[in-house]
C-alpha atoms as a PDB file:
ATOM      1  CA  MET A   1      15.158 -92.028  39.838  1.00  0.00           C
ATOM      2  CA  GLU A   2      14.347 -95.760  39.952  1.00  0.00           C
ATOM      3  CA  GLU A   3      17.884 -96.609  40.727  1.00  0.00           C
ATOM      4  CA  LEU A   4      17.949 -94.128  43.596  1.00  0.00           C
ATOM      5  CA  THR A   5      14.713 -95.615  44.989  1.00  0.00           C
ATOM      6  CA  ARG A   6      16.109 -99.194  44.708  1.00  0.00           C
ATOM      7  CA  ASN A   7      19.447 -98.220  46.367  1.00  0.00           C
ATOM      8  CA  LEU A   8      17.588 -96.514  49.173  1.00  0.00           C
ATOM      9  CA  SER A   9      15.284 -99.443  49.659  1.00  0.00           C
ATOM     10  CA  ILE A  10      18.257-101.801  49.885  1.00  0.00           C
ATOM     11  CA  PHE A  11      19.981 -99.386  52.280  1.00  0.00           C
ATOM     12  CA  VAL A  12      16.905 -99.265  54.555  1.00  0.00           C
ATOM     13  CA  VAL A  13      16.349-103.023  54.558  1.00  0.00           C
ATOM     14  CA  LYS A  14      19.886-103.659  55.546  1.00  0.00           C
ATOM     15  CA  LYS A  15      19.712-101.194  58.291  1.00  0.00           C
ATOM     16  CA  ILE A  16      16.590-102.815  59.613  1.00  0.00           C
ATOM     17  CA  ILE A  17      18.271-106.203  59.674  1.00  0.00           C
ATOM     18  CA  ARG A  18      21.278-104.705  61.457  1.00  0.00           C
ATOM     19  CA  LEU A  19      18.856-103.093  63.958  1.00  0.00           C
ATOM     20  CA  LEU A  20      17.226-106.531  64.672  1.00  0.00           C
ATOM     21  CA  LEU A  21      20.593-108.147  65.144  1.00  0.00           C
ATOM     22  CA  LEU A  22      21.704-105.333  67.441  1.00  0.00           C
ATOM     23  CA  LEU A  23      18.632-105.644  69.517  1.00  0.00           C
ATOM     24  CA  LEU A  24      18.996-109.335  69.805  1.00  0.00           C
ATOM     25  CA  ALA A  25      22.659-109.055  70.913  1.00  0.00           C
ATOM     26  CA  VAL A  26      21.963-106.138  73.310  1.00  0.00           C
ATOM     27  CA  SER A  27      19.038-107.869  75.000  1.00  0.00           C
ATOM     28  CA  PHE A  28      20.861-111.112  75.352  1.00  0.00           C
ATOM     29  CA  ILE A  29      23.924-109.583  76.869  1.00  0.00           C
ATOM     30  CA  THR A  30      21.804-107.472  79.208  1.00  0.00           C
ATOM     31  CA  TYR A  31      19.726-110.586  80.259  1.00  0.00           C
ATOM     32  CA  LEU A  32      23.005-112.443  80.948  1.00  0.00           C
ATOM     33  CA  LEU A  33      24.476-109.623  83.006  1.00  0.00           C
ATOM     34  CA  ILE A  34      21.313-109.356  85.083  1.00  0.00           C
ATOM     35  CA  ARG A  35      21.414-113.116  85.682  1.00  0.00           C
ATOM     36  CA  LEU A  36      25.035-112.913  86.891  1.00  0.00           C
ATOM     37  CA  SER A  37      24.408-109.916  89.066  1.00  0.00           C
ATOM     38  CA  PRO A  38      24.018-110.391  92.931  1.00  0.00           C
ATOM     39  CA  ILE A  39      20.594-108.609  92.893  1.00  0.00           C
ATOM     40  CA  ASP A  40      17.716-110.908  93.877  1.00  0.00           C
ATOM     41  CA  PRO A  41      14.604-110.111  91.696  1.00  0.00           C
ATOM     42  CA  VAL A  42      12.216-111.782  94.220  1.00  0.00           C
ATOM     43  CA  GLN A  43      13.601-109.588  97.043  1.00  0.00           C
ATOM     44  CA  ALA A  44      13.272-106.500  94.844  1.00  0.00           C
ATOM     45  CA  TYR A  45       9.608-107.456  94.134  1.00  0.00           C
ATOM     46  CA  ILE A  46       8.706-108.065  97.725  1.00  0.00           C
ATOM     47  CA  GLY A  47      10.705-105.253  99.282  1.00  0.00           C
ATOM     48  CA  ALA A  48      11.018-104.754 103.053  1.00  0.00           C
ATOM     49  CA  ASP A  49       8.596-107.670 103.827  1.00  0.00           C
ATOM     50  CA  MET A  50      11.075-110.315 102.481  1.00  0.00           C
ATOM     51  CA  MET A  51      11.691-111.766 105.967  1.00  0.00           C
ATOM     52  CA  LYS A  52       7.913-112.493 106.289  1.00  0.00           C
ATOM     53  CA  VAL A  53       7.851-114.660 103.196  1.00  0.00           C
ATOM     54  CA  SER A  54       7.933-118.411 103.608  1.00  0.00           C
ATOM     55  CA  PRO A  55      10.025-120.658 101.311  1.00  0.00           C
ATOM     56  CA  GLU A  56       6.756-121.878  99.769  1.00  0.00           C
ATOM     57  CA  GLN A  57       5.555-118.327  99.007  1.00  0.00           C
ATOM     58  CA  ARG A  58       8.910-117.452  97.520  1.00  0.00           C
ATOM     59  CA  ALA A  59       8.781-120.543  95.315  1.00  0.00           C
ATOM     60  CA  ALA A  60       5.213-119.559  94.209  1.00  0.00           C
ATOM     61  CA  ILE A  61       6.527-116.009  93.284  1.00  0.00           C
ATOM     62  CA  GLU A  62       9.377-117.468  91.273  1.00  0.00           C
ATOM     63  CA  GLU A  63       7.095-119.823  89.410  1.00  0.00           C
ATOM     64  CA  TYR A  64       4.659-116.929  88.782  1.00  0.00           C
ATOM     65  CA  TRP A  65       7.421-114.698  87.222  1.00  0.00           C
ATOM     66  CA  GLY A  66       9.169-117.691  85.548  1.00  0.00           C
ATOM     67  CA  LEU A  67      12.326-117.272  87.695  1.00  0.00           C
ATOM     68  CA  ASN A  68      12.579-120.878  88.471  1.00  0.00           C
ATOM     69  CA  GLU A  69      13.246-121.742  84.786  1.00  0.00           C
ATOM     70  CA  SER A  70      16.677-121.994  83.198  1.00  0.00           C
ATOM     71  CA  PHE A  71      18.349-118.775  81.822  1.00  0.00           C
ATOM     72  CA  ILE A  72      17.707-119.783  78.185  1.00  0.00           C
ATOM     73  CA  SER A  73      14.106-120.654  78.788  1.00  0.00           C
ATOM     74  CA  GLN A  74      13.456-117.321  80.538  1.00  0.00           C
ATOM     75  CA  TYR A  75      15.135-115.329  77.712  1.00  0.00           C
ATOM     76  CA  VAL A  76      13.252-117.264  75.015  1.00  0.00           C
ATOM     77  CA  HIS A  77       9.894-116.648  76.769  1.00  0.00           C
ATOM     78  CA  TRP A  78      10.683-113.060  77.131  1.00  0.00           C
ATOM     79  CA  LEU A  79      11.738-112.669  73.493  1.00  0.00           C
ATOM     80  CA  ALA A  80       8.547-114.375  72.372  1.00  0.00           C
ATOM     81  CA  SER A  81       6.470-111.991  74.573  1.00  0.00           C
ATOM     82  CA  VAL A  82       8.345-108.901  73.117  1.00  0.00           C
ATOM     83  CA  ILE A  83       7.654-110.032  69.547  1.00  0.00           C
ATOM     84  CA  THR A  84       3.888-109.957  70.365  1.00  0.00           C
ATOM     85  CA  GLY A  85       4.332-106.494  71.878  1.00  0.00           C
ATOM     86  CA  ASP A  86       4.262-107.534  75.553  1.00  0.00           C
ATOM     87  CA  PHE A  87       7.370-106.344  77.519  1.00  0.00           C
ATOM     88  CA  GLY A  88       6.034-107.750  80.777  1.00  0.00           C
ATOM     89  CA  THR A  89       5.172-106.049  84.054  1.00  0.00           C
ATOM     90  CA  SER A  90       7.569-103.887  86.043  1.00  0.00           C
ATOM     91  CA  PHE A  91       8.483-105.367  89.473  1.00  0.00           C
ATOM     92  CA  ILE A  92       8.874-102.043  91.263  1.00  0.00           C
ATOM     93  CA  TYR A  93       6.051-100.065  89.562  1.00  0.00           C
ATOM     94  CA  ARG A  94       3.511-103.023  89.329  1.00  0.00           C
ATOM     95  CA  THR A  95       2.436-101.710  85.881  1.00  0.00           C
ATOM     96  CA  PRO A  96       3.190-102.777  82.300  1.00  0.00           C
ATOM     97  CA  VAL A  97       6.727-101.940  81.240  1.00  0.00           C
ATOM     98  CA  LEU A  98       5.465-100.103  78.055  1.00  0.00           C
ATOM     99  CA  ASP A  99       3.273 -97.816  80.268  1.00  0.00           C
ATOM    100  CA  VAL A 100       6.199 -96.970  82.504  1.00  0.00           C
ATOM    101  CA  ILE A 101       8.360 -96.249  79.425  1.00  0.00           C
ATOM    102  CA  ALA A 102       5.659 -94.144  77.715  1.00  0.00           C
ATOM    103  CA  ASP A 103       5.266 -92.034  80.917  1.00  0.00           C
ATOM    104  CA  ARG A 104       8.954 -91.534  81.398  1.00  0.00           C
ATOM    105  CA  PHE A 105       9.671 -91.062  77.647  1.00  0.00           C
ATOM    106  CA  ILE A 106       7.717 -87.775  77.554  1.00  0.00           C
ATOM    107  CA  SER A 107      10.073 -86.154  80.132  1.00  0.00           C
ATOM    108  CA  SER A 108      13.180 -87.536  78.537  1.00  0.00           C
ATOM    109  CA  ILE A 109      12.405 -86.656  75.023  1.00  0.00           C
ATOM    110  CA  LEU A 110      11.730 -83.020  76.083  1.00  0.00           C
ATOM    111  CA  LEU A 111      15.041 -82.956  77.862  1.00  0.00           C
ATOM    112  CA  LEU A 112      16.951 -84.568  75.036  1.00  0.00           C
ATOM    113  CA  ALA A 113      15.327 -82.416  72.309  1.00  0.00           C
ATOM    114  CA  VAL A 114      16.146 -79.139  74.086  1.00  0.00           C
ATOM    115  CA  ALA A 115      19.705 -80.265  74.790  1.00  0.00           C
ATOM    116  CA  TRP A 116      20.187 -81.598  71.171  1.00  0.00           C
ATOM    117  CA  LEU A 117      19.073 -78.349  69.536  1.00  0.00           C
ATOM    118  CA  LEU A 118      21.138 -76.185  71.914  1.00  0.00           C
ATOM    119  CA  SER A 119      24.297 -78.163  71.560  1.00  0.00           C
ATOM    120  CA  GLY A 120      23.935 -78.390  67.727  1.00  0.00           C
ATOM    121  CA  VAL A 121      23.345 -74.584  67.205  1.00  0.00           C
ATOM    122  CA  ILE A 122      25.942 -73.444  69.680  1.00  0.00           C
ATOM    123  CA  GLY A 123      28.564 -76.049  68.728  1.00  0.00           C
ATOM    124  CA  LEU A 124      28.184 -75.221  64.997  1.00  0.00           C
ATOM    125  CA  LEU A 125      28.579 -71.472  65.609  1.00  0.00           C
ATOM    126  CA  LEU A 126      31.586 -71.886  67.965  1.00  0.00           C
ATOM    127  CA  GLY A 127      33.315 -74.327  65.597  1.00  0.00           C
ATOM    128  CA  ALA A 128      32.852 -72.016  62.575  1.00  0.00           C
ATOM    129  CA  VAL A 129      34.195 -69.016  64.577  1.00  0.00           C
ATOM    130  CA  ALA A 130      37.191 -70.977  65.795  1.00  0.00           C
ATOM    131  CA  ALA A 131      37.995 -72.063  62.182  1.00  0.00           C
ATOM    132  CA  MET A 132      37.654 -68.605  60.718  1.00  0.00           C
ATOM    133  CA  LYS A 133      39.920 -67.276  63.489  1.00  0.00           C
ATOM    134  CA  GLN A 134      42.294 -70.179  63.362  1.00  0.00           C
ATOM    135  CA  GLY A 135      45.501 -69.597  65.425  1.00  0.00           C
ATOM    136  CA  SER A 136      44.079 -66.538  67.157  1.00  0.00           C
ATOM    137  CA  LYS A 137      43.302 -66.083  70.866  1.00  0.00           C
ATOM    138  CA  THR A 138      39.593 -66.776  70.076  1.00  0.00           C
ATOM    139  CA  ASP A 139      40.426 -70.106  68.522  1.00  0.00           C
ATOM    140  CA  HIS A 140      42.655 -71.085  71.514  1.00  0.00           C
ATOM    141  CA  PHE A 141      39.908 -70.035  73.968  1.00  0.00           C
ATOM    142  CA  ILE A 142      37.145 -72.029  72.130  1.00  0.00           C
ATOM    143  CA  ARG A 143      39.403 -75.201  71.739  1.00  0.00           C
ATOM    144  CA  GLY A 144      40.369 -74.918  75.417  1.00  0.00           C
ATOM    145  CA  TYR A 145      36.837 -74.602  76.454  1.00  0.00           C
ATOM    146  CA  CYS A 146      35.841 -77.710  74.427  1.00  0.00           C
ATOM    147  CA  TYR A 147      38.808 -79.771  75.803  1.00  0.00           C
ATOM    148  CA  LEU A 148      37.771 -78.709  79.302  1.00  0.00           C
ATOM    149  CA  LEU A 149      34.110 -79.826  78.687  1.00  0.00           C
ATOM    150  CA  LEU A 150      35.253 -83.166  77.275  1.00  0.00           C
ATOM    151  CA  SER A 151      37.108 -83.907  80.475  1.00  0.00           C
ATOM    152  CA  THR A 152      34.451 -82.652  82.835  1.00  0.00           C
ATOM    153  CA  PRO A 153      32.071 -85.271  84.363  1.00  0.00           C
ATOM    154  CA  SER A 154      28.477 -84.473  83.493  1.00  0.00           C
ATOM    155  CA  PHE A 155      27.217 -85.191  87.081  1.00  0.00           C
ATOM    156  CA  TRP A 156      29.778 -82.777  88.615  1.00  0.00           C
ATOM    157  CA  LEU A 157      28.791 -80.038  86.195  1.00  0.00           C
ATOM    158  CA  GLY A 158      25.182 -80.769  86.969  1.00  0.00           C
ATOM    159  CA  LEU A 159      25.731 -80.461  90.723  1.00  0.00           C
ATOM    160  CA  LEU A 160      27.631 -77.197  90.195  1.00  0.00           C
ATOM    161  CA  LEU A 161      24.941 -75.639  88.052  1.00  0.00           C
ATOM    162  CA  LEU A 162      22.227 -76.895  90.379  1.00  0.00           C
ATOM    163  CA  MET A 163      23.937 -75.314  93.350  1.00  0.00           C
ATOM    164  CA  ILE A 164      24.462 -71.985  91.556  1.00  0.00           C
ATOM    165  CA  PHE A 165      21.167 -71.452  89.736  1.00  0.00           C
ATOM    166  CA  SER A 166      18.751 -73.396  91.932  1.00  0.00           C
ATOM    167  CA  VAL A 167      20.089 -73.059  95.458  1.00  0.00           C
ATOM    168  CA  TRP A 168      21.970 -69.715  95.426  1.00  0.00           C
ATOM    169  CA  LEU A 169      20.081 -67.708  92.772  1.00  0.00           C
ATOM    170  CA  ASP A 170      16.704 -69.583  92.993  1.00  0.00           C
ATOM    171  CA  TRP A 171      16.118 -69.152  89.248  1.00  0.00           C
ATOM    172  CA  PHE A 172      15.111 -72.800  88.518  1.00  0.00           C
ATOM    173  CA  PRO A 173      13.489 -75.598  90.546  1.00  0.00           C
ATOM    174  CA  ILE A 174      15.926 -77.981  92.310  1.00  0.00           C
ATOM    175  CA  GLY A 175      14.482 -81.067  90.657  1.00  0.00           C
ATOM    176  CA  LEU A 176      11.552 -83.068  89.198  1.00  0.00           C
ATOM    177  CA  SER A 177       9.919 -82.532  85.792  1.00  0.00           C
ATOM    178  CA  ALA A 178       6.752 -80.737  87.067  1.00  0.00           C
ATOM    179  CA  PRO A 179       5.605 -78.718  90.075  1.00  0.00           C
ATOM    180  CA  VAL A 180       4.703 -80.625  93.205  1.00  0.00           C
ATOM    181  CA  GLY A 181       1.155 -80.818  94.534  1.00  0.00           C
ATOM    182  CA  ILE A 182      -0.749 -80.650  91.195  1.00  0.00           C
ATOM    183  CA  THR A 183      -2.357 -83.362  89.103  1.00  0.00           C
ATOM    184  CA  THR A 184      -1.079 -84.506  85.776  1.00  0.00           C
ATOM    185  CA  SER A 185      -3.950 -82.972  83.922  1.00  0.00           C
ATOM    186  CA  GLU A 186      -2.988 -79.527  85.440  1.00  0.00           C
ATOM    187  CA  ILE A 187       0.623 -79.667  84.192  1.00  0.00           C
ATOM    188  CA  THR A 188       1.275 -77.391  81.187  1.00  0.00           C
ATOM    189  CA  ILE A 189       3.993 -77.644  78.544  1.00  0.00           C
ATOM    190  CA  MET A 190       5.423 -74.444  80.098  1.00  0.00           C
ATOM    191  CA  ASP A 191       5.740 -76.150  83.476  1.00  0.00           C
ATOM    192  CA  ARG A 192       7.592 -79.082  81.812  1.00  0.00           C
ATOM    193  CA  LEU A 193       9.903 -76.737  79.856  1.00  0.00           C
ATOM    194  CA  TYR A 194      10.698 -74.668  82.988  1.00  0.00           C
ATOM    195  CA  HIS A 195      11.741 -77.732  84.911  1.00  0.00           C
ATOM    196  CA  ALA A 196      13.725 -79.071  81.893  1.00  0.00           C
ATOM    197  CA  ILE A 197      15.745 -75.893  81.201  1.00  0.00           C
ATOM    198  CA  LEU A 198      18.541 -76.371  83.719  1.00  0.00           C
ATOM    199  CA  PRO A 199      19.170 -80.169  83.038  1.00  0.00           C
ATOM    200  CA  ALA A 200      18.865 -79.477  79.336  1.00  0.00           C
ATOM    201  CA  ILE A 201      21.404 -76.601  79.442  1.00  0.00           C
ATOM    202  CA  THR A 202      23.724 -78.841  81.551  1.00  0.00           C
ATOM    203  CA  LEU A 203      23.404 -81.667  79.020  1.00  0.00           C
ATOM    204  CA  SER A 204      23.899 -79.364  75.983  1.00  0.00           C
ATOM    205  CA  ILE A 205      27.056 -77.850  77.428  1.00  0.00           C
ATOM    206  CA  ILE A 206      28.560 -81.300  77.439  1.00  0.00           C
ATOM    207  CA  GLY A 207      27.411 -82.007  73.896  1.00  0.00           C
ATOM    208  CA  ILE A 208      28.730 -78.716  72.447  1.00  0.00           C
ATOM    209  CA  ALA A 209      32.351 -79.754  72.547  1.00  0.00           C
ATOM    210  CA  ASN A 210      32.015 -82.708  70.062  1.00  0.00           C
ATOM    211  CA  VAL A 211      30.032 -80.737  67.563  1.00  0.00           C
ATOM    212  CA  CYS A 212      32.347 -77.713  67.876  1.00  0.00           C
ATOM    213  CA  LEU A 213      35.595 -79.574  67.325  1.00  0.00           C
ATOM    214  CA  HIS A 214      34.249 -81.587  64.333  1.00  0.00           C
ATOM    215  CA  THR A 215      32.760 -78.407  62.730  1.00  0.00           C
ATOM    216  CA  ARG A 216      36.146 -76.546  63.289  1.00  0.00           C
ATOM    217  CA  GLU A 217      38.209 -79.257  61.637  1.00  0.00           C
ATOM    218  CA  LYS A 218      35.835 -79.528  58.614  1.00  0.00           C
ATOM    219  CA  MET A 219      35.759 -75.757  58.250  1.00  0.00           C
ATOM    220  CA  ILE A 220      39.518 -75.561  58.292  1.00  0.00           C
ATOM    221  CA  ASP A 221      39.686 -78.229  55.534  1.00  0.00           C
ATOM    222  CA  VAL A 222      37.171 -76.156  53.509  1.00  0.00           C
ATOM    223  CA  LEU A 223      39.225 -72.958  53.985  1.00  0.00           C
ATOM    224  CA  LYS A 224      42.244 -74.669  52.383  1.00  0.00           C
ATOM    225  CA  GLN A 225      40.420 -75.499  49.128  1.00  0.00           C
ATOM    226  CA  PRO A 226      41.478 -73.665  45.913  1.00  0.00           C
ATOM    227  CA  TYR A 227      38.086 -72.018  45.426  1.00  0.00           C
ATOM    228  CA  ILE A 228      38.500 -70.396  48.863  1.00  0.00           C
ATOM    229  CA  LEU A 229      41.750 -68.911  47.876  1.00  0.00           C
ATOM    230  CA  GLN A 230      40.229 -67.701  44.657  1.00  0.00           C
ATOM    231  CA  ALA A 231      37.413 -66.086  46.664  1.00  0.00           C
ATOM    232  CA  ARG A 232      39.880 -64.412  48.955  1.00  0.00           C
ATOM    233  CA  ALA A 233      41.706 -63.097  45.888  1.00  0.00           C
ATOM    234  CA  ASN A 234      38.500 -61.674  44.736  1.00  0.00           C
ATOM    235  CA  GLY A 235      38.112 -59.707  47.890  1.00  0.00           C
ATOM    236  CA  LEU A 236      35.794 -61.895  49.923  1.00  0.00           C
ATOM    237  CA  SER A 237      36.569 -62.258  53.614  1.00  0.00           C
ATOM    238  CA  GLY A 238      35.029 -62.626  57.003  1.00  0.00           C
ATOM    239  CA  LEU A 239      31.259 -63.217  57.188  1.00  0.00           C
ATOM    240  CA  ALA A 240      30.730 -62.827  53.441  1.00  0.00           C
ATOM    241  CA  LEU A 241      33.209 -65.626  52.684  1.00  0.00           C
ATOM    242  CA  PHE A 242      31.657 -67.795  55.311  1.00  0.00           C
ATOM    243  CA  LYS A 243      28.143 -67.300  53.999  1.00  0.00           C
ATOM    244  CA  ARG A 244      29.096 -67.677  50.336  1.00  0.00           C
ATOM    245  CA  HIS A 245      31.455 -70.743  50.490  1.00  0.00           C
ATOM    246  CA  GLY A 246      32.004 -72.009  54.016  1.00  0.00           C
ATOM    247  CA  LEU A 247      28.658 -72.640  55.438  1.00  0.00           C
ATOM    248  CA  ARG A 248      27.201 -74.966  52.873  1.00  0.00           C
ATOM    249  CA  ASN A 249      30.404 -77.061  52.589  1.00  0.00           C
ATOM    250  CA  MET A 250      30.817 -77.629  56.395  1.00  0.00           C
ATOM    251  CA  ILE A 251      27.167 -77.873  57.396  1.00  0.00           C
ATOM    252  CA  LEU A 252      26.624 -81.391  56.144  1.00  0.00           C
ATOM    253  CA  PRO A 253      29.399 -83.221  58.218  1.00  0.00           C
ATOM    254  CA  ALA A 254      28.406 -81.049  61.245  1.00  0.00           C
ATOM    255  CA  ILE A 255      24.798 -82.082  61.055  1.00  0.00           C
ATOM    256  CA  SER A 256      25.816 -85.648  60.484  1.00  0.00           C
ATOM    257  CA  VAL A 257      27.918 -85.684  63.586  1.00  0.00           C
ATOM    258  CA  HIS A 258      25.136 -83.950  65.588  1.00  0.00           C
ATOM    259  CA  PHE A 259      22.562 -86.746  64.531  1.00  0.00           C
ATOM    260  CA  ALA A 260      25.054 -89.377  65.572  1.00  0.00           C
ATOM    261  CA  SER A 261      25.367 -87.760  69.068  1.00  0.00           C
ATOM    262  CA  PHE A 262      22.072 -89.139  70.260  1.00  0.00           C
ATOM    263  CA  GLY A 263      23.884 -91.945  72.106  1.00  0.00           C
ATOM    264  CA  GLU A 264      26.166 -89.562  73.862  1.00  0.00           C
ATOM    265  CA  LEU A 265      23.297 -87.288  74.916  1.00  0.00           C
ATOM    266  CA  PHE A 266      21.325 -90.216  76.204  1.00  0.00           C
ATOM    267  CA  GLY A 267      24.293 -91.541  78.248  1.00  0.00           C
ATOM    268  CA  GLY A 268      24.707 -88.068  79.790  1.00  0.00           C
ATOM    269  CA  ALA A 269      21.040 -87.912  80.535  1.00  0.00           C
ATOM    270  CA  VAL A 270      21.183 -91.120  82.646  1.00  0.00           C
ATOM    271  CA  LEU A 271      23.577 -89.435  85.019  1.00  0.00           C
ATOM    272  CA  LEU A 272      21.952 -85.973  84.998  1.00  0.00           C
ATOM    273  CA  GLU A 273      18.510 -87.266  85.661  1.00  0.00           C
ATOM    274  CA  GLN A 274      19.851 -88.814  88.909  1.00  0.00           C
ATOM    275  CA  VAL A 275      21.417 -85.405  89.755  1.00  0.00           C
ATOM    276  CA  PHE A 276      18.241 -83.362  89.154  1.00  0.00           C
ATOM    277  CA  SER A 277      15.842 -86.068  90.359  1.00  0.00           C
ATOM    278  CA  TYR A 278      14.292 -85.823  86.883  1.00  0.00           C
ATOM    279  CA  PRO A 279      11.889 -88.690  86.298  1.00  0.00           C
ATOM    280  CA  GLY A 280      12.905 -89.741  82.789  1.00  0.00           C
ATOM    281  CA  LEU A 281      14.107 -92.990  81.237  1.00  0.00           C
ATOM    282  CA  GLY A 282      17.594 -92.382  82.624  1.00  0.00           C
ATOM    283  CA  LYS A 283      16.399 -92.424  86.251  1.00  0.00           C
ATOM    284  CA  ALA A 284      14.083 -95.330  85.552  1.00  0.00           C
ATOM    285  CA  ILE A 285      16.903 -97.504  84.170  1.00  0.00           C
ATOM    286  CA  VAL A 286      19.080 -96.812  87.243  1.00  0.00           C
ATOM    287  CA  ASP A 287      16.110 -97.624  89.536  1.00  0.00           C
ATOM    288  CA  ALA A 288      15.442-100.789  87.563  1.00  0.00           C
ATOM    289  CA  GLY A 289      19.103-101.857  87.706  1.00  0.00           C
ATOM    290  CA  LEU A 290      19.425-101.270  91.441  1.00  0.00           C
ATOM    291  CA  ASN A 291      16.185-102.999  92.263  1.00  0.00           C
ATOM    292  CA  GLY A 292      16.545-106.016  89.984  1.00  0.00           C
ATOM    293  CA  ASP A 293      13.489-105.050  87.799  1.00  0.00           C
ATOM    294  CA  VAL A 294      14.419-107.278  84.892  1.00  0.00           C
ATOM    295  CA  PRO A 295      11.481-106.581  82.578  1.00  0.00           C
ATOM    296  CA  LEU A 296      11.739-102.786  83.088  1.00  0.00           C
ATOM    297  CA  LEU A 297      15.511-102.791  82.519  1.00  0.00           C
ATOM    298  CA  LEU A 298      15.328-104.916  79.415  1.00  0.00           C
ATOM    299  CA  GLY A 299      12.521-102.779  78.058  1.00  0.00           C
ATOM    300  CA  ILE A 300      14.404 -99.560  78.522  1.00  0.00           C
ATOM    301  CA  VAL A 301      17.564-101.028  77.154  1.00  0.00           C
ATOM    302  CA  VAL A 302      15.799-102.136  73.923  1.00  0.00           C
ATOM    303  CA  ILE A 303      14.047 -98.805  73.471  1.00  0.00           C
ATOM    304  CA  SER A 304      17.299 -96.863  74.153  1.00  0.00           C
ATOM    305  CA  ALA A 305      19.172 -98.985  71.595  1.00  0.00           C
ATOM    306  CA  CYS A 306      16.373 -98.174  68.974  1.00  0.00           C
ATOM    307  CA  PHE A 307      16.705 -94.513  69.917  1.00  0.00           C
ATOM    308  CA  VAL A 308      20.456 -94.500  69.530  1.00  0.00           C
ATOM    309  CA  PHE A 309      20.274 -96.449  66.247  1.00  0.00           C
ATOM    310  CA  LEU A 310      17.704 -94.121  64.965  1.00  0.00           C
ATOM    311  CA  GLY A 311      20.141 -91.187  65.443  1.00  0.00           C
ATOM    312  CA  ASN A 312      22.810 -92.912  63.430  1.00  0.00           C
ATOM    313  CA  PHE A 313      20.333 -93.966  60.771  1.00  0.00           C
ATOM    314  CA  LEU A 314      19.024 -90.489  60.302  1.00  0.00           C
ATOM    315  CA  ALA A 315      22.563 -89.195  60.040  1.00  0.00           C
ATOM    316  CA  ASP A 316      23.384 -91.696  57.256  1.00  0.00           C
ATOM    317  CA  MET A 317      20.049 -91.082  55.421  1.00  0.00           C
ATOM    318  CA  PHE A 318      20.517 -87.266  55.604  1.00  0.00           C
ATOM    319  CA  TYR A 319      24.046 -87.347  54.327  1.00  0.00           C
ATOM    320  CA  SER A 320      23.156 -89.833  51.527  1.00  0.00           C
ATOM    321  CA  LEU A 321      20.174 -87.816  50.361  1.00  0.00           C
ATOM    322  CA  VAL A 322      21.980 -84.467  50.301  1.00  0.00           C
ATOM    323  CA  ASP A 323      25.420 -85.533  49.126  1.00  0.00           C
ATOM    324  CA  PRO A 324      25.187 -87.436  45.805  1.00  0.00           C
ATOM    325  CA  ARG A 325      28.836 -88.705  46.160  1.00  0.00           C
ATOM    326  CA  ILE A 326      28.050 -90.642  49.263  1.00  0.00           C
ATOM    327  CA  ARG A 327      24.882 -92.065  47.686  1.00  0.00           C
ATOM    328  CA  ARG A 328      26.781 -93.175  44.647  1.00  0.00           C
ATOM    329  CA  GLU A 329      29.506 -94.758  46.701  1.00  0.00           C
ATOM    330  CA  LYS A 330      26.894 -96.580  48.817  1.00  0.00           C
ATOM    331  CA  GLY A 331      25.097 -97.834  45.729  1.00  0.00           C
ATOM    332  CA  GLU A 332      28.324 -99.159  44.236  1.00  0.00           C
ATOM    333  CA  ALA A 333      29.219-100.905  47.449  1.00  0.00           C
ATOM    334  CA  GLY A 334      25.649-102.304  47.931  1.00  0.00           C
ATOM    335  CA  LEU A 335      25.311-100.782  51.326  1.00  0.00           C
END
């Protein structure tokens, strides 16, 4: 038990160090790309009144935001502020970056959670069915469906579903994360769920393919094992065989892949939030990029990197805790 605790402690510490290095690299590269972009942060801050600003006023604004300093000085000052918990103030929203992220994060996490659960459950079931029916028409249909999804742009699928279910059938709202014309205090969790259903379904449809194909391949490997042949010889088949021997052997890699799909879902959410006018982190990062809102863009990039890293970390932890072989290999390798 003590050895297990020590190995897990070393594993967690090394993961934290890797996260810090990742955040440092991601933030620096993002800051550099913003600096090289043609977008003028001062113009983004002032807006339509840019022509009315004198050179002296522009210089004062640049000095106030630190934009007159060198690239390295700006980045070091921003990094020092982040270490103290201050991500700065958003240019376009005129509020602290953390407040903007916290407000948008509620909508995004609801959308991602629903999509993540749906894609995991449906993908696992379809993958298991395809493997149990390997070579049949059912298997060909499911694989073809997955390959079609993998080649389908998420924004195009979002537009298609929006046109069918919101415009033609009028089953779901056309956009936004809450009804229009009511205050924040009046918005219920059911209102948020109702507005998140269609974008979440769209996002989950894209995520199903990856989980399904990985589950199918693992299940096929399981079905080739000697104990499966012995079970078949003993008369087990179909659902009984799947429940007794197949499920518990293919569930671990399927869940591991599903935890690691956080990044893919977040990337799809960025596009879908634009399509559905859904005010989450994805839409905020696009607005920040187009308007040169450096503090907000960097804040969302850092938070998003932590979010994606958390998914991979949970996948590794879950697999290590459940499968002793992986835990032993990592302990021997010092990972």
